[in-house]
Amino acid sequence: MGRDKAFLRLKKEMITSIQFYYPADSSFILTKKERGWWIGSEQADSLKVNNYISQLELKNATTFADNYLPGKSAEVTIQLKGKSGLLASVEAWKRTNDWALKSSWQPTIYFSSDQTGIVKSLFESKKNMLNPD
């Protein structure tokens, strides 16, 4: 029997905000309002936000980081919130050649990913979520 590769399981319509906690000053919060998604006072690109959220609904990770124990707080944290509070969270730690990640879906299981793997689809930038000028 194979190991459970489930990383996140969400209902996208329940998400009302996504908080991206990144190193330095690159953190931001996406908030759902009556007319679309916003980052502060700037309207986000609804198509990009919806595509991002859609791929979180049934997110799998394929590589396990067996025996990984973080020695410090996560470098990246993503919190997905709904009307009732926290729906799910993701934490990630930078390692020498990759990232170790875990989600609230399976909080005791660590996965690993290089820059082309799951981290590429999870770690969105503020700039990429905004409408192009």
N, C-alpha and C. Protein backbone atom coordinates (compact mmCIF):
# COMPACT_ATOMS: atom_id res chain seq x y z
N MET A 1 0.83 -1.19 0.00
CA MET A 1 0.00 0.00 0.00
C MET A 1 0.87 1.24 0.00
N GLY A 2 0.56 2.20 -0.87
CA GLY A 2 1.36 3.40 -0.97
C GLY A 2 1.08 4.38 0.16
N ARG A 3 1.98 5.31 0.29
CA ARG A 3 1.81 6.34 1.32
C ARG A 3 0.86 7.42 0.83
N ASP A 4 0.21 8.08 1.77
CA ASP A 4 -0.76 9.12 1.45
C ASP A 4 -0.04 10.39 1.00
N LYS A 5 -0.23 10.76 -0.26
CA LYS A 5 0.43 11.93 -0.82
C LYS A 5 -0.43 13.19 -0.74
N ALA A 6 -1.56 13.12 -0.04
CA ALA A 6 -2.45 14.27 0.09
C ALA A 6 -1.74 15.39 0.83
N PHE A 7 -1.71 16.57 0.23
CA PHE A 7 -1.06 17.72 0.86
C PHE A 7 -2.11 18.72 1.35
N LEU A 8 -3.08 19.04 0.51
CA LEU A 8 -4.17 19.93 0.90
C LEU A 8 -5.48 19.40 0.33
N ARG A 9 -6.55 19.60 1.07
CA ARG A 9 -7.90 19.30 0.59
C ARG A 9 -8.78 20.45 1.09
N LEU A 10 -9.30 21.23 0.15
CA LEU A 10 -10.09 22.42 0.49
C LEU A 10 -11.28 22.57 -0.44
N LYS A 11 -12.26 23.32 0.00
CA LYS A 11 -13.34 23.75 -0.89
C LYS A 11 -13.06 25.22 -1.20
N LYS A 12 -12.75 25.50 -2.47
CA LYS A 12 -12.29 26.85 -2.82
C LYS A 12 -13.30 27.94 -2.49
N GLU A 13 -14.59 27.61 -2.55
CA GLU A 13 -15.59 28.64 -2.28
C GLU A 13 -15.62 29.06 -0.81
N MET A 14 -14.98 28.29 0.06
CA MET A 14 -14.94 28.63 1.49
C MET A 14 -13.82 29.61 1.83
N ILE A 15 -12.84 29.78 0.92
CA ILE A 15 -11.68 30.62 1.21
C ILE A 15 -12.05 32.10 1.04
N THR A 16 -11.80 32.88 2.09
CA THR A 16 -12.07 34.32 2.04
C THR A 16 -10.80 35.16 2.14
N SER A 17 -9.70 34.56 2.58
CA SER A 17 -8.43 35.28 2.58
C SER A 17 -7.28 34.29 2.59
N ILE A 18 -6.17 34.75 2.01
CA ILE A 18 -4.95 33.94 1.99
C ILE A 18 -3.82 34.86 2.44
N GLN A 19 -3.14 34.45 3.51
CA GLN A 19 -2.04 35.23 4.04
C GLN A 19 -0.74 34.53 3.68
N PHE A 20 0.13 35.27 2.99
CA PHE A 20 1.44 34.76 2.59
C PHE A 20 2.48 35.42 3.49
N TYR A 21 3.12 34.64 4.34
CA TYR A 21 4.18 35.15 5.21
C TYR A 21 5.51 34.72 4.61
N TYR A 22 6.24 35.69 4.07
CA TYR A 22 7.51 35.45 3.41
C TYR A 22 8.63 36.19 4.14
N PRO A 23 9.88 35.81 3.88
CA PRO A 23 11.01 36.53 4.49
C PRO A 23 11.04 37.99 4.01
N ALA A 24 11.73 38.80 4.77
CA ALA A 24 11.90 40.23 4.47
C ALA A 24 10.53 40.92 4.41
N ASP A 25 10.31 41.75 3.41
CA ASP A 25 9.06 42.52 3.35
C ASP A 25 8.16 42.09 2.20
N SER A 26 8.23 40.83 1.82
CA SER A 26 7.46 40.37 0.66
C SER A 26 6.13 39.70 1.03
N SER A 27 5.77 39.73 2.30
CA SER A 27 4.49 39.15 2.73
C SER A 27 3.32 39.97 2.22
N PHE A 28 2.17 39.31 2.03
CA PHE A 28 0.96 40.02 1.63
C PHE A 28 -0.27 39.18 1.94
N ILE A 29 -1.44 39.85 1.90
CA ILE A 29 -2.70 39.17 2.19
C ILE A 29 -3.66 39.40 1.03
N LEU A 30 -4.21 38.31 0.52
CA LEU A 30 -5.27 38.36 -0.50
C LEU A 30 -6.60 38.28 0.25
N THR A 31 -7.51 39.20 -0.03
CA THR A 31 -8.80 39.23 0.65
C THR A 31 -9.93 39.24 -0.36
N LYS A 32 -10.91 38.37 -0.14
CA LYS A 32 -12.08 38.32 -1.01
C LYS A 32 -13.10 39.35 -0.54
N LYS A 33 -13.50 40.23 -1.45
CA LYS A 33 -14.50 41.24 -1.14
C LYS A 33 -15.68 41.04 -2.09
N GLU A 34 -16.69 41.90 -1.96
CA GLU A 34 -17.87 41.77 -2.82
C GLU A 34 -17.51 41.73 -4.29
N ARG A 35 -16.58 42.58 -4.69
CA ARG A 35 -16.20 42.65 -6.11
C ARG A 35 -14.77 42.13 -6.30
N GLY A 36 -14.59 40.84 -6.10
CA GLY A 36 -13.31 40.23 -6.43
C GLY A 36 -12.32 40.17 -5.27
N TRP A 37 -11.08 39.87 -5.63
CA TRP A 37 -9.98 39.69 -4.69
C TRP A 37 -9.13 40.95 -4.65
N TRP A 38 -8.61 41.26 -3.46
CA TRP A 38 -7.83 42.47 -3.26
C TRP A 38 -6.57 42.17 -2.46
N ILE A 39 -5.52 42.95 -2.73
CA ILE A 39 -4.31 42.98 -1.92
C ILE A 39 -4.22 44.42 -1.43
N GLY A 40 -4.60 44.63 -0.18
CA GLY A 40 -4.68 45.99 0.34
C GLY A 40 -5.72 46.77 -0.46
N SER A 41 -5.30 47.91 -1.01
CA SER A 41 -6.22 48.74 -1.80
C SER A 41 -6.14 48.46 -3.30
N GLU A 42 -5.35 47.46 -3.69
CA GLU A 42 -5.18 47.13 -5.11
C GLU A 42 -6.01 45.89 -5.46
N GLN A 43 -6.75 45.98 -6.57
CA GLN A 43 -7.53 44.82 -7.00
C GLN A 43 -6.60 43.79 -7.62
N ALA A 44 -6.78 42.55 -7.19
CA ALA A 44 -5.97 41.45 -7.73
C ALA A 44 -6.58 40.96 -9.03
N ASP A 45 -5.79 40.22 -9.80
CA ASP A 45 -6.25 39.61 -11.04
C ASP A 45 -7.10 38.39 -10.67
N SER A 46 -8.42 38.52 -10.82
CA SER A 46 -9.34 37.45 -10.37
C SER A 46 -9.05 36.11 -11.02
N LEU A 47 -8.70 36.12 -12.30
CA LEU A 47 -8.41 34.87 -13.00
C LEU A 47 -7.20 34.18 -12.37
N LYS A 48 -6.13 34.93 -12.11
CA LYS A 48 -4.93 34.35 -11.50
C LYS A 48 -5.23 33.83 -10.10
N VAL A 49 -6.00 34.60 -9.32
CA VAL A 49 -6.34 34.18 -7.96
C VAL A 49 -7.20 32.91 -8.01
N ASN A 50 -8.20 32.90 -8.87
CA ASN A 50 -9.06 31.72 -8.97
C ASN A 50 -8.30 30.48 -9.44
N ASN A 51 -7.37 30.66 -10.38
CA ASN A 51 -6.54 29.54 -10.83
C ASN A 51 -5.67 29.02 -9.68
N TYR A 52 -5.11 29.95 -8.90
CA TYR A 52 -4.28 29.57 -7.76
C TYR A 52 -5.10 28.76 -6.74
N ILE A 53 -6.27 29.28 -6.39
CA ILE A 53 -7.11 28.62 -5.40
C ILE A 53 -7.60 27.27 -5.90
N SER A 54 -7.95 27.18 -7.18
CA SER A 54 -8.44 25.92 -7.74
C SER A 54 -7.43 24.80 -7.59
N GLN A 55 -6.15 25.11 -7.80
CA GLN A 55 -5.13 24.06 -7.72
C GLN A 55 -4.83 23.66 -6.27
N LEU A 56 -5.35 24.40 -5.30
CA LEU A 56 -5.15 24.03 -3.89
C LEU A 56 -6.18 23.01 -3.40
N GLU A 57 -7.30 22.91 -4.10
CA GLU A 57 -8.41 22.05 -3.64
C GLU A 57 -7.98 20.60 -3.42
N LEU A 58 -7.29 20.05 -4.38
CA LEU A 58 -6.82 18.66 -4.30
C LEU A 58 -5.33 18.63 -4.59
N LYS A 59 -4.54 19.16 -3.68
CA LYS A 59 -3.10 19.29 -3.88
C LYS A 59 -2.38 18.08 -3.29
N ASN A 60 -1.58 17.44 -4.12
CA ASN A 60 -0.76 16.32 -3.68
C ASN A 60 0.71 16.69 -3.73
N ALA A 61 1.50 16.04 -2.89
CA ALA A 61 2.95 16.16 -2.94
C ALA A 61 3.48 14.75 -3.17
N THR A 62 4.54 14.63 -3.93
CA THR A 62 4.99 13.29 -4.33
C THR A 62 6.24 12.80 -3.61
N THR A 63 7.02 13.70 -3.03
CA THR A 63 8.27 13.29 -2.40
C THR A 63 8.22 13.55 -0.91
N PHE A 64 8.54 12.54 -0.13
CA PHE A 64 8.51 12.66 1.32
C PHE A 64 9.88 13.09 1.85
N ALA A 65 9.87 13.89 2.90
CA ALA A 65 11.11 14.30 3.57
C ALA A 65 11.19 13.50 4.87
N ASP A 66 11.47 12.22 4.73
CA ASP A 66 11.53 11.34 5.89
C ASP A 66 12.62 11.80 6.85
N ASN A 67 12.35 11.68 8.12
CA ASN A 67 13.30 12.02 9.19
C ASN A 67 13.62 13.50 9.29
N TYR A 68 12.86 14.36 8.58
CA TYR A 68 13.12 15.80 8.70
C TYR A 68 12.47 16.34 9.96
N LEU A 69 13.23 17.09 10.74
CA LEU A 69 12.70 17.78 11.91
C LEU A 69 13.20 19.22 11.84
N PRO A 70 12.28 20.18 11.73
CA PRO A 70 12.72 21.57 11.63
C PRO A 70 13.38 22.03 12.93
N GLY A 71 14.47 22.73 12.78
CA GLY A 71 15.18 23.24 13.95
C GLY A 71 14.83 24.69 14.24
N LYS A 72 13.93 25.25 13.45
CA LYS A 72 13.57 26.66 13.60
C LYS A 72 12.18 26.88 13.03
N SER A 73 11.68 28.09 13.17
CA SER A 73 10.38 28.44 12.60
C SER A 73 10.43 28.40 11.08
N ALA A 74 9.29 28.17 10.47
CA ALA A 74 9.22 28.09 9.01
C ALA A 74 9.61 29.42 8.37
N GLU A 75 10.30 29.35 7.22
CA GLU A 75 10.64 30.56 6.47
C GLU A 75 9.43 31.10 5.73
N VAL A 76 8.55 30.19 5.31
CA VAL A 76 7.34 30.57 4.58
C VAL A 76 6.14 29.93 5.26
N THR A 77 5.10 30.71 5.47
CA THR A 77 3.83 30.19 5.99
C THR A 77 2.71 30.76 5.13
N ILE A 78 1.79 29.91 4.75
CA ILE A 78 0.61 30.35 4.01
C ILE A 78 -0.60 29.91 4.84
N GLN A 79 -1.48 30.87 5.13
CA GLN A 79 -2.69 30.56 5.89
C GLN A 79 -3.91 30.83 5.02
N LEU A 80 -4.74 29.81 4.89
CA LEU A 80 -5.97 29.92 4.11
C LEU A 80 -7.12 30.03 5.09
N LYS A 81 -7.84 31.14 5.02
CA LYS A 81 -8.89 31.41 6.00
C LYS A 81 -10.25 31.52 5.35
N GLY A 82 -11.26 31.20 6.15
CA GLY A 82 -12.65 31.33 5.73
C GLY A 82 -13.41 32.13 6.77
N LYS A 83 -14.72 32.18 6.61
CA LYS A 83 -15.55 32.94 7.55
C LYS A 83 -15.42 32.41 8.97
N SER A 84 -15.20 31.11 9.11
CA SER A 84 -15.12 30.50 10.45
C SER A 84 -13.71 30.51 11.03
N GLY A 85 -12.73 31.02 10.29
CA GLY A 85 -11.35 31.05 10.78
C GLY A 85 -10.41 30.28 9.87
N LEU A 86 -9.35 29.75 10.44
CA LEU A 86 -8.32 29.06 9.67
C LEU A 86 -8.85 27.76 9.07
N LEU A 87 -8.75 27.63 7.74
CA LEU A 87 -9.16 26.41 7.04
C LEU A 87 -7.98 25.45 6.88
N ALA A 88 -6.82 26.01 6.55
CA ALA A 88 -5.62 25.19 6.31
C ALA A 88 -4.40 26.09 6.38
N SER A 89 -3.25 25.47 6.63
CA SER A 89 -2.00 26.22 6.60
C SER A 89 -0.90 25.35 6.01
N VAL A 90 0.10 26.05 5.48
CA VAL A 90 1.27 25.39 4.90
C VAL A 90 2.50 26.05 5.53
N GLU A 91 3.47 25.24 5.90
CA GLU A 91 4.74 25.77 6.41
C GLU A 91 5.86 25.16 5.58
N ALA A 92 6.91 25.97 5.36
CA ALA A 92 8.03 25.49 4.55
C ALA A 92 9.36 25.98 5.10
N TRP A 93 10.35 25.12 5.01
CA TRP A 93 11.69 25.40 5.49
C TRP A 93 12.67 25.22 4.33
N LYS A 94 13.51 26.22 4.09
CA LYS A 94 14.52 26.13 3.02
C LYS A 94 15.66 25.25 3.52
N ARG A 95 16.02 24.29 2.67
CA ARG A 95 17.17 23.44 2.96
C ARG A 95 18.25 23.75 1.91
N THR A 96 19.34 23.05 1.95
CA THR A 96 20.44 23.34 1.04
C THR A 96 20.02 23.28 -0.43
N ASN A 97 19.36 22.20 -0.83
CA ASN A 97 19.02 22.02 -2.25
C ASN A 97 17.53 21.97 -2.54
N ASP A 98 16.70 22.09 -1.50
CA ASP A 98 15.26 22.00 -1.71
C ASP A 98 14.52 22.62 -0.54
N TRP A 99 13.24 22.35 -0.47
CA TRP A 99 12.39 22.81 0.63
C TRP A 99 11.77 21.61 1.32
N ALA A 100 11.56 21.72 2.62
CA ALA A 100 10.75 20.77 3.37
C ALA A 100 9.44 21.47 3.68
N LEU A 101 8.33 20.77 3.49
CA LEU A 101 7.01 21.38 3.69
C LEU A 101 6.10 20.47 4.48
N LYS A 102 5.14 21.09 5.16
CA LYS A 102 4.06 20.32 5.75
C LYS A 102 2.80 21.18 5.69
N SER A 103 1.67 20.51 5.75
CA SER A 103 0.40 21.24 5.75
C SER A 103 -0.43 20.77 6.93
N SER A 104 -1.46 21.53 7.24
CA SER A 104 -2.35 21.16 8.34
C SER A 104 -3.19 19.94 7.99
N TRP A 105 -3.23 19.56 6.71
CA TRP A 105 -3.98 18.37 6.31
C TRP A 105 -3.36 17.11 6.91
N GLN A 106 -2.01 17.03 6.84
CA GLN A 106 -1.27 15.93 7.45
C GLN A 106 -0.12 16.54 8.25
N PRO A 107 -0.41 17.07 9.43
CA PRO A 107 0.59 17.88 10.15
C PRO A 107 1.84 17.14 10.62
N THR A 108 1.82 15.83 10.60
CA THR A 108 3.01 15.10 11.05
C THR A 108 3.86 14.58 9.88
N ILE A 109 3.43 14.86 8.65
CA ILE A 109 4.14 14.36 7.47
C ILE A 109 4.86 15.52 6.79
N TYR A 110 6.16 15.34 6.55
CA TYR A 110 6.94 16.35 5.83
C TYR A 110 7.19 15.87 4.40
N PHE A 111 7.06 16.80 3.48
CA PHE A 111 7.34 16.53 2.08
C PHE A 111 8.53 17.37 1.66
N SER A 112 9.16 17.01 0.54
CA SER A 112 10.24 17.85 0.02
C SER A 112 9.91 18.25 -1.42
N SER A 113 10.47 19.39 -1.82
CA SER A 113 10.24 19.90 -3.16
C SER A 113 11.39 20.79 -3.57
N ASP A 114 11.80 20.65 -4.84
CA ASP A 114 12.77 21.62 -5.36
C ASP A 114 11.97 22.80 -5.93
N GLN A 115 12.66 23.74 -6.55
CA GLN A 115 12.01 24.96 -7.05
C GLN A 115 10.99 24.70 -8.16
N THR A 116 11.05 23.54 -8.80
CA THR A 116 10.11 23.25 -9.89
C THR A 116 8.92 22.44 -9.41
N GLY A 117 8.94 22.00 -8.15
CA GLY A 117 7.88 21.14 -7.64
C GLY A 117 6.73 21.92 -7.02
N ILE A 118 6.21 21.37 -5.95
CA ILE A 118 5.02 21.92 -5.31
C ILE A 118 5.23 23.36 -4.82
N VAL A 119 6.46 23.70 -4.44
CA VAL A 119 6.69 25.07 -3.96
C VAL A 119 6.43 26.10 -5.06
N LYS A 120 6.70 25.71 -6.29
CA LYS A 120 6.47 26.64 -7.41
C LYS A 120 4.99 27.02 -7.51
N SER A 121 4.11 26.08 -7.25
CA SER A 121 2.67 26.36 -7.35
C SER A 121 2.09 26.94 -6.06
N LEU A 122 2.79 26.80 -4.95
CA LEU A 122 2.29 27.32 -3.67
C LEU A 122 2.74 28.75 -3.38
N PHE A 123 4.03 29.03 -3.63
CA PHE A 123 4.61 30.32 -3.24
C PHE A 123 4.36 31.36 -4.32
N GLU A 124 3.22 31.99 -4.26
CA GLU A 124 2.90 33.03 -5.25
C GLU A 124 3.45 34.37 -4.81
N SER A 125 3.77 35.22 -5.80
CA SER A 125 4.25 36.56 -5.48
C SER A 125 3.10 37.55 -5.57
N LYS A 126 3.22 38.61 -4.80
CA LYS A 126 2.23 39.68 -4.82
C LYS A 126 2.11 40.24 -6.23
N LYS A 127 3.26 40.47 -6.86
CA LYS A 127 3.28 41.06 -8.20
C LYS A 127 2.50 40.19 -9.20
N ASN A 128 2.64 38.89 -9.10
CA ASN A 128 1.97 37.99 -10.03
C ASN A 128 0.46 37.96 -9.83
N MET A 129 0.00 38.31 -8.64
CA MET A 129 -1.44 38.27 -8.35
C MET A 129 -2.17 39.57 -8.71
N LEU A 130 -1.41 40.63 -8.99
CA LEU A 130 -2.03 41.91 -9.31
C LEU A 130 -2.34 42.01 -10.79
N ASN A 131 -3.31 42.84 -11.14
CA ASN A 131 -3.63 43.07 -12.54
C ASN A 131 -2.45 43.73 -13.23
N PRO A 132 -2.10 43.27 -14.44
CA PRO A 132 -1.01 43.93 -15.17
C PRO A 132 -1.44 45.34 -15.55
N ASP A 133 -0.49 46.26 -15.49
CA ASP A 133 -0.80 47.66 -15.82
C ASP A 133 -0.98 47.86 -17.31
